[in-house]
Amino acid sequence: MAAGSKANWFTPNGPNNEEACKPNHPVVNVSWNDARSYAK
């Protein structure tokens, strides 16, 4: 990630990315193990 890209956990590819976090869409970029740990 380049410095000054304005990327963060909510918009990992930057604020103008089509894949930005959308509340009615499934979670992406989460491993199976992380999902299991969260669900416990």
N, C-alpha and C. Protein backbone atom coordinates (compact mmCIF):
# COMPACT_ATOMS: atom_id res chain seq x y z
N MET A 1 0.86 -1.17 0.00
CA MET A 1 0.00 0.00 0.00
C MET A 1 0.90 1.23 0.00
N ALA A 2 0.63 2.13 -0.87
CA ALA A 2 1.44 3.34 -0.98
C ALA A 2 1.07 4.34 0.11
N ALA A 3 2.07 5.06 0.57
CA ALA A 3 1.81 6.10 1.57
C ALA A 3 0.88 7.14 0.96
N GLY A 4 -0.09 7.58 1.73
CA GLY A 4 -1.03 8.59 1.25
C GLY A 4 -2.13 8.03 0.37
N SER A 5 -2.32 6.71 0.35
CA SER A 5 -3.34 6.10 -0.52
C SER A 5 -4.74 6.21 0.07
N LYS A 6 -4.83 6.61 1.34
CA LYS A 6 -6.11 6.74 2.05
C LYS A 6 -6.84 5.41 2.20
N ALA A 7 -6.12 4.31 2.06
CA ALA A 7 -6.71 2.99 2.27
C ALA A 7 -6.77 2.71 3.76
N ASN A 8 -7.77 1.96 4.19
CA ASN A 8 -7.91 1.56 5.58
C ASN A 8 -8.71 0.27 5.63
N TRP A 9 -9.04 -0.21 6.82
CA TRP A 9 -9.75 -1.48 6.92
C TRP A 9 -11.12 -1.42 6.28
N PHE A 10 -11.77 -0.26 6.26
CA PHE A 10 -13.12 -0.14 5.69
C PHE A 10 -13.07 -0.09 4.17
N THR A 11 -12.06 0.55 3.63
CA THR A 11 -11.86 0.64 2.18
C THR A 11 -10.41 0.28 1.89
N PRO A 12 -10.06 -1.02 1.91
CA PRO A 12 -8.67 -1.44 1.79
C PRO A 12 -8.00 -1.06 0.48
N ASN A 13 -8.75 -0.85 -0.57
CA ASN A 13 -8.16 -0.47 -1.85
C ASN A 13 -8.35 1.01 -2.16
N GLY A 14 -8.72 1.79 -1.16
CA GLY A 14 -8.90 3.23 -1.34
C GLY A 14 -10.37 3.60 -1.37
N PRO A 15 -10.69 4.87 -1.14
CA PRO A 15 -12.08 5.31 -1.00
C PRO A 15 -12.91 5.26 -2.28
N ASN A 16 -12.29 5.24 -3.45
CA ASN A 16 -13.05 5.25 -4.71
C ASN A 16 -13.14 3.88 -5.35
N ASN A 17 -12.92 2.84 -4.59
CA ASN A 17 -12.95 1.48 -5.10
C ASN A 17 -14.38 0.96 -5.12
N GLU A 18 -14.73 0.26 -6.20
CA GLU A 18 -16.08 -0.32 -6.33
C GLU A 18 -16.36 -1.38 -5.27
N GLU A 19 -15.31 -2.01 -4.75
CA GLU A 19 -15.49 -3.07 -3.76
C GLU A 19 -15.45 -2.55 -2.34
N ALA A 20 -15.70 -1.27 -2.16
CA ALA A 20 -15.70 -0.69 -0.81
C ALA A 20 -16.76 -1.40 0.03
N CYS A 21 -16.56 -1.40 1.32
CA CYS A 21 -17.45 -2.09 2.24
C CYS A 21 -18.89 -1.61 2.05
N LYS A 22 -19.79 -2.55 1.80
CA LYS A 22 -21.20 -2.25 1.60
C LYS A 22 -21.99 -3.05 2.63
N PRO A 23 -22.84 -2.41 3.41
CA PRO A 23 -23.51 -3.10 4.51
C PRO A 23 -24.39 -4.28 4.10
N ASN A 24 -24.88 -4.31 2.86
CA ASN A 24 -25.76 -5.40 2.44
C ASN A 24 -25.04 -6.47 1.63
N HIS A 25 -23.71 -6.45 1.62
CA HIS A 25 -22.92 -7.41 0.88
C HIS A 25 -22.14 -8.28 1.86
N PRO A 26 -21.77 -9.49 1.44
CA PRO A 26 -21.02 -10.36 2.35
C PRO A 26 -19.63 -9.82 2.66
N VAL A 27 -19.09 -10.27 3.75
CA VAL A 27 -17.74 -9.88 4.15
C VAL A 27 -16.74 -10.56 3.21
N VAL A 28 -15.69 -9.86 2.86
CA VAL A 28 -14.63 -10.43 2.02
C VAL A 28 -13.29 -10.26 2.71
N ASN A 29 -12.30 -10.97 2.24
CA ASN A 29 -10.93 -10.89 2.76
C ASN A 29 -10.83 -11.29 4.23
N VAL A 30 -11.65 -12.27 4.65
CA VAL A 30 -11.59 -12.79 6.01
C VAL A 30 -11.32 -14.28 5.90
N SER A 31 -10.31 -14.74 6.60
CA SER A 31 -9.97 -16.16 6.53
C SER A 31 -11.00 -16.99 7.31
N TRP A 32 -11.05 -18.28 6.98
CA TRP A 32 -11.95 -19.19 7.67
C TRP A 32 -11.64 -19.21 9.17
N ASN A 33 -10.35 -19.26 9.51
CA ASN A 33 -9.97 -19.30 10.92
C ASN A 33 -10.36 -18.02 11.65
N ASP A 34 -10.19 -16.87 11.03
CA ASP A 34 -10.60 -15.61 11.65
C ASP A 34 -12.12 -15.58 11.86
N ALA A 35 -12.87 -16.07 10.88
CA ALA A 35 -14.33 -16.10 11.01
C ALA A 35 -14.76 -17.02 12.14
N ARG A 36 -14.13 -18.18 12.25
CA ARG A 36 -14.46 -19.11 13.34
C ARG A 36 -14.14 -18.50 14.69
N SER A 37 -12.99 -17.84 14.80
CA SER A 37 -12.60 -17.22 16.07
C SER A 37 -13.59 -16.12 16.45
N TYR A 38 -14.03 -15.35 15.48
CA TYR A 38 -14.98 -14.27 15.73
C TYR A 38 -16.32 -14.84 16.20
N ALA A 39 -16.74 -15.95 15.61
CA ALA A 39 -18.05 -16.53 15.91
C ALA A 39 -18.11 -17.18 17.29
N LYS A 40 -16.97 -17.51 17.87
CA LYS A 40 -16.96 -18.18 19.18
C LYS A 40 -17.36 -17.25 20.29
